[in-house]
Amino acid sequence: MDDDLIWKALSDPSRRRIIELLHAQPRRTGDLAACFEVTRFAVMKHLDLLVEAGLVSVERRGRERWNRLALERLTPTVAGWLAQFAVGTEAEQGNLPGAVEAMAIEAAVEIDLPRRRAYQLFVEQAENWWPREGEGRVRLEAATGGWLYLDRGPGRPQMIWAVIGDARAPAAVELIGACGQKGVESARTRLAFEKAGKGRTVVHLRTDALVTLDQGGRERYRSFWRRLLTDAFATYADSQTTPGDADLDIEDDEHGEAQAGSTGWRRAVNDDA
């Protein structure tokens, strides 16, 4: 499946609105067209692109064309993105703005822990290092379809920040969602954990997002990921070295996983607009 085509399909507000409508139930083309002020032909063109991207499937019933989300044909990444509509996002409420722009961020940081230990700290102890405001504990359910969320305690609603699109211990975890950042309408963030010499790990980050941010907002969004990797996660990871970490590094080697050479990074973060 072509991810670039998927993101092109999701970049248009009318196509996102179609996905919202189909998330509730399959609909006839005429019923979808009635929800828009544009012509039926324009809606059909949007549907054709969604079908081409693999997000929507079509069934003919006589002369009627029924459209539904093609969840069984989607990658875990896209299925996770669509799952946001079920956990109270702005998209579900029909509040997505019309003007959005694509944004990409790349970053990396090296820490002095084996990657298995680094991965464990990232997914199992997020409550100890993930930046947050106000009360609550950050939880990360490291399994496809799990949630990254703020648990605000009994009797209070959980604040869902992202859906887990993929989790492959100890190599990578993928977050589908804005991670609590305003002005980010949808985002896919992949963190890859790579061995970088004995007992060291480089964490690579790549975020692809659709945003309604001005230049200052974009800088704040980049800064969010910079603080998360260096000021938060890497600093916490440095404080968690234990005698058993060497065994985790050996365990990686015994599983035949390739060991990368030294990257030369240390608290170095690089990003692009």
Protein backbone atom coordinates (compact mmCIF):
# COMPACT_ATOMS: atom_id res chain seq x y z
CA MET A 1 0.00 0.00 0.00
CA ASP A 2 1.32 3.44 -0.97
CA ASP A 3 1.55 5.54 2.20
CA ASP A 4 2.16 8.71 0.17
CA LEU A 5 -1.16 8.21 -1.61
CA ILE A 6 -2.86 7.58 1.73
CA TRP A 7 -1.58 10.82 3.19
CA LYS A 8 -2.60 12.68 0.04
CA ALA A 9 -6.10 11.26 0.45
CA LEU A 10 -6.25 12.28 4.11
CA SER A 11 -4.98 15.82 3.43
CA ASP A 12 -8.31 16.98 1.99
CA PRO A 13 -11.05 18.02 4.49
CA SER A 14 -13.86 16.67 2.29
CA ARG A 15 -12.24 13.24 2.12
CA ARG A 16 -11.65 13.26 5.87
CA ARG A 17 -15.34 14.10 6.30
CA ILE A 18 -16.26 11.13 4.09
CA ILE A 19 -14.16 8.88 6.32
CA GLU A 20 -15.95 10.27 9.39
CA LEU A 21 -19.32 9.45 7.84
CA LEU A 22 -18.27 5.96 6.75
CA HIS A 23 -16.78 5.25 10.16
CA ALA A 24 -20.31 5.24 11.56
CA GLN A 25 -21.76 2.94 8.87
CA PRO A 26 -21.59 2.07 5.14
CA ARG A 27 -23.42 4.63 3.00
CA ARG A 28 -24.73 4.98 -0.53
CA THR A 29 -23.00 7.50 -2.74
CA GLY A 30 -26.16 9.59 -2.95
CA ASP A 31 -26.43 9.71 0.85
CA LEU A 32 -22.83 10.89 1.10
CA ALA A 33 -23.35 13.52 -1.58
CA ALA A 34 -26.32 14.90 0.38
CA CYS A 35 -23.93 15.75 3.24
CA PHE A 36 -21.92 18.16 1.08
CA GLU A 37 -22.65 21.41 -0.74
CA VAL A 38 -20.61 20.31 -3.76
CA THR A 39 -21.95 18.22 -6.63
CA ARG A 40 -22.41 14.46 -6.58
CA PHE A 41 -19.70 14.24 -9.25
CA ALA A 42 -17.21 16.02 -6.96
CA VAL A 43 -18.02 13.62 -4.12
CA MET A 44 -17.53 10.67 -6.45
CA LYS A 45 -14.08 11.98 -7.40
CA HIS A 46 -13.17 12.12 -3.71
CA LEU A 47 -14.47 8.58 -3.27
CA ASP A 48 -12.45 7.34 -6.24
CA LEU A 49 -9.23 8.67 -4.68
CA LEU A 50 -10.10 7.09 -1.32
CA VAL A 51 -10.70 3.78 -3.11
CA GLU A 52 -7.39 4.10 -4.96
CA ALA A 53 -5.62 4.74 -1.63
CA GLY A 54 -7.20 1.60 -0.16
CA LEU A 55 -9.17 3.48 2.49
CA VAL A 56 -12.65 2.80 1.07
CA SER A 57 -14.16 -0.18 -0.73
CA VAL A 58 -17.24 -0.21 -2.99
CA GLU A 59 -20.04 -2.75 -3.32
CA ARG A 60 -22.64 -2.63 -6.09
CA ARG A 61 -26.19 -3.48 -5.09
CA GLY A 62 -28.23 -3.23 -8.25
CA ARG A 63 -27.87 0.34 -9.46
CA GLU A 64 -26.74 1.57 -6.05
CA ARG A 65 -23.12 2.02 -5.02
CA TRP A 66 -22.44 1.36 -1.33
CA ASN A 67 -19.22 2.65 0.22
CA ARG A 68 -17.53 1.50 3.41
CA LEU A 69 -14.16 1.75 5.13
CA ALA A 70 -11.80 -0.97 3.93
CA LEU A 71 -10.40 -1.79 7.37
CA GLU A 72 -9.51 -5.37 6.46
CA ARG A 73 -7.26 -4.10 3.67
CA LEU A 74 -5.39 -1.50 5.70
CA THR A 75 -1.95 -1.61 7.24
CA PRO A 76 -1.78 -1.41 11.06
CA THR A 77 -0.56 2.18 10.70
CA VAL A 78 -3.63 3.41 8.82
CA ALA A 79 -6.03 1.27 10.84
CA GLY A 80 -4.58 2.87 13.94
CA TRP A 81 -5.08 6.33 12.47
CA LEU A 82 -8.71 5.55 11.70
CA ALA A 83 -9.18 4.24 15.24
CA GLN A 84 -8.81 7.84 16.42
CA PHE A 85 -12.41 8.41 15.32
CA ALA A 86 -13.51 6.00 18.06
CA VAL A 87 -11.69 7.69 20.94
CA GLY A 88 -13.05 11.23 20.91
CA THR A 89 -10.77 13.16 18.58
CA GLU A 90 -11.66 16.44 16.92
CA ALA A 91 -12.21 14.54 13.70
CA GLU A 92 -15.02 12.51 15.23
CA GLN A 93 -16.78 15.71 16.26
CA GLY A 94 -16.55 17.13 12.74
CA ASN A 95 -14.32 20.03 13.79
CA LEU A 96 -11.35 19.53 11.48
CA PRO A 97 -10.43 22.83 9.80
CA GLY A 98 -10.20 23.09 6.06
CA ALA A 99 -6.65 24.42 5.65
CA VAL A 100 -3.98 21.90 6.58
CA GLU A 101 -0.36 21.49 5.55
CA ALA A 102 2.00 18.54 5.66
CA MET A 103 4.95 18.62 8.04
CA ALA A 104 7.80 16.18 8.63
CA ILE A 105 10.15 15.98 11.59
CA GLU A 106 13.22 13.77 11.93
CA ALA A 107 15.29 13.46 15.08
CA ALA A 108 17.74 11.12 16.77
CA VAL A 109 19.41 10.70 20.14
CA GLU A 110 21.98 8.26 21.51
CA ILE A 111 21.70 6.83 25.02
CA ASP A 112 24.00 4.62 27.07
CA LEU A 113 21.71 1.61 27.36
CA PRO A 114 21.20 -1.57 25.30
CA ARG A 115 18.27 -1.20 22.96
CA ARG A 116 16.13 -3.84 24.69
CA ARG A 117 16.42 -1.89 27.94
CA ALA A 118 15.85 1.42 26.13
CA TYR A 119 12.70 0.06 24.48
CA GLN A 120 11.38 -1.25 27.79
CA LEU A 121 11.86 2.11 29.48
CA PHE A 122 10.13 3.90 26.62
CA VAL A 123 7.00 1.75 26.54
CA GLU A 124 6.71 0.54 30.14
CA GLN A 125 7.72 3.62 32.13
CA ALA A 126 6.27 6.47 30.09
CA GLU A 127 4.57 7.79 33.22
CA ASN A 128 8.01 8.53 34.70
CA TRP A 129 9.41 10.62 31.86
CA TRP A 130 6.73 11.73 29.35
CA PRO A 131 6.22 15.55 29.63
CA ARG A 132 2.72 16.49 30.72
CA GLU A 133 0.75 19.28 32.33
CA GLY A 134 -1.71 18.83 35.19
CA GLU A 135 -2.65 15.68 37.05
CA GLY A 136 -2.58 12.17 35.69
CA ARG A 137 -0.28 9.31 34.73
CA VAL A 138 0.84 8.65 31.18
CA ARG A 139 0.19 5.10 29.96
CA LEU A 140 1.51 3.46 26.79
CA GLU A 141 -0.03 0.14 25.75
CA ALA A 142 2.67 -1.27 23.45
CA ALA A 143 0.53 -3.42 21.16
CA THR A 144 -1.15 -2.70 17.83
CA GLY A 145 -4.44 -0.96 18.59
CA GLY A 146 -3.33 0.04 22.10
CA TRP A 147 -3.42 3.58 23.40
CA LEU A 148 -1.07 6.28 24.55
CA TYR A 149 -3.20 8.14 27.05
CA LEU A 150 -3.32 10.25 30.20
CA ASP A 151 -4.98 8.33 33.02
CA ARG A 152 -6.58 10.97 35.22
CA GLY A 153 -7.81 8.57 37.85
CA PRO A 154 -11.08 6.86 38.86
CA GLY A 155 -14.26 8.62 37.79
CA ARG A 156 -12.49 10.89 35.29
CA PRO A 157 -12.31 10.36 31.51
CA GLN A 158 -9.03 9.25 30.04
CA MET A 159 -7.36 11.62 27.60
CA ILE A 160 -6.39 9.65 24.50
CA TRP A 161 -3.29 11.09 22.81
CA ALA A 162 -2.52 8.44 20.19
CA VAL A 163 -3.30 4.92 18.98
CA ILE A 164 -0.47 2.40 18.67
CA GLY A 165 -0.17 1.59 14.98
CA ASP A 166 2.62 -0.93 15.42
CA ALA A 167 4.85 -2.25 18.21
CA ARG A 168 7.80 -4.56 17.55
CA ALA A 169 9.94 -5.06 20.63
CA PRO A 170 12.72 -4.11 20.88
CA ALA A 171 12.99 -2.52 17.44
CA ALA A 172 10.20 0.04 16.99
CA VAL A 173 6.94 1.55 18.17
CA GLU A 174 4.55 3.71 16.15
CA LEU A 175 2.15 6.34 17.49
CA ILE A 176 -0.85 7.45 15.41
CA GLY A 177 -2.23 10.70 16.76
CA ALA A 178 -1.40 14.25 17.84
CA CYS A 179 0.08 13.19 21.21
CA GLY A 180 -1.77 16.04 22.90
CA GLN A 181 -0.41 18.79 20.64
CA LYS A 182 -2.87 21.48 19.54
CA GLY A 183 -3.01 22.34 15.86
CA VAL A 184 -1.89 18.85 14.84
CA GLU A 185 -4.86 17.30 13.03
CA SER A 186 -3.29 13.90 12.39
CA ALA A 187 0.20 12.50 12.80
CA ARG A 188 2.17 9.30 12.48
CA THR A 189 5.31 9.06 14.62
CA ARG A 190 7.68 6.10 14.38
CA LEU A 191 10.48 5.54 16.89
CA ALA A 192 13.12 3.01 15.88
CA PHE A 193 15.65 1.64 18.38
CA GLU A 194 19.00 0.78 16.76
CA LYS A 195 22.10 -0.73 18.34
CA ALA A 196 25.04 1.67 18.19
CA GLY A 197 27.95 -0.22 19.70
CA LYS A 198 28.24 -2.19 22.91
CA GLY A 199 25.59 -1.14 25.39
CA ARG A 200 24.40 1.88 23.42
CA THR A 201 21.26 2.67 21.46
CA VAL A 202 20.27 5.35 18.97
CA VAL A 203 16.58 6.23 18.97
CA HIS A 204 15.45 7.51 15.57
CA LEU A 205 12.22 9.48 15.31
CA ARG A 206 10.17 10.31 12.22
CA THR A 207 6.91 12.24 12.40
CA ASP A 208 4.62 12.91 9.41
CA ALA A 209 1.79 15.24 10.32
CA LEU A 210 -1.05 17.31 8.91
CA VAL A 211 -1.10 20.59 10.82
CA THR A 212 -2.85 23.96 10.98
CA LEU A 213 0.13 25.71 12.59
CA ASP A 214 1.88 28.96 11.78
CA GLN A 215 5.68 29.11 11.76
CA GLY A 216 5.84 29.64 15.51
CA GLY A 217 3.53 26.70 16.07
CA ARG A 218 5.70 24.50 13.88
CA GLU A 219 8.77 25.42 15.92
CA ARG A 220 6.92 24.59 19.13
CA TYR A 221 5.89 21.23 17.67
CA ARG A 222 9.51 20.43 16.77
CA SER A 223 10.56 21.57 20.22
CA PHE A 224 8.03 19.20 21.77
CA TRP A 225 9.76 16.19 20.18
CA ARG A 226 13.22 17.58 20.99
CA ARG A 227 12.31 17.95 24.66
CA LEU A 228 10.65 14.54 24.72
CA LEU A 229 13.73 12.76 23.36
CA THR A 230 16.56 14.65 25.06
CA ASP A 231 15.27 16.48 28.11
CA ALA A 232 12.80 13.77 29.04
CA PHE A 233 13.43 10.24 27.75
CA ALA A 234 17.23 10.28 27.30
CA THR A 235 17.80 11.99 30.65
CA TYR A 236 15.55 9.48 32.39
CA ALA A 237 17.17 6.55 30.58
CA ASP A 238 20.63 7.70 31.69
CA SER A 239 19.46 7.51 35.30
CA GLN A 240 18.19 3.94 34.97
CA THR A 241 21.38 1.96 34.24
CA THR A 242 21.43 -1.37 36.10
CA PRO A 243 23.91 -4.30 36.29
CA GLY A 244 21.50 -6.49 34.28
CA ASP A 245 21.62 -4.23 31.24
CA ALA A 246 24.66 -6.04 29.82
CA ASP A 247 22.67 -9.28 29.72
CA LEU A 248 20.00 -7.60 27.62
CA ASP A 249 22.66 -6.52 25.13
CA ILE A 250 23.97 -10.11 24.90
CA GLU A 251 20.42 -11.38 24.42
CA ASP A 252 20.06 -9.14 21.36
CA ASP A 253 23.30 -10.55 19.94
CA GLU A 254 22.18 -14.13 20.54
CA HIS A 255 19.05 -13.48 18.48
CA GLY A 256 21.26 -12.61 15.53
CA GLU A 257 20.24 -8.96 15.30
CA ALA A 258 22.70 -6.81 13.42
CA GLN A 259 24.77 -4.39 15.46
CA ALA A 260 25.33 -0.97 13.95
CA GLY A 261 28.58 0.93 14.17
CA SER A 262 28.93 4.07 16.25
CA THR A 263 26.89 6.93 14.82
CA GLY A 264 28.73 9.76 16.52
CA TRP A 265 25.45 11.17 17.91
CA ARG A 266 25.18 12.27 21.51
CA ARG A 267 22.18 14.32 22.50
CA ALA A 268 22.10 15.42 18.88
CA VAL A 269 18.69 16.15 17.42
CA ASN A 270 18.16 16.99 13.75
CA ASP A 271 14.80 17.94 12.25
CA ASP A 272 13.30 19.24 9.04
CA ALA A 273 10.18 21.18 8.22
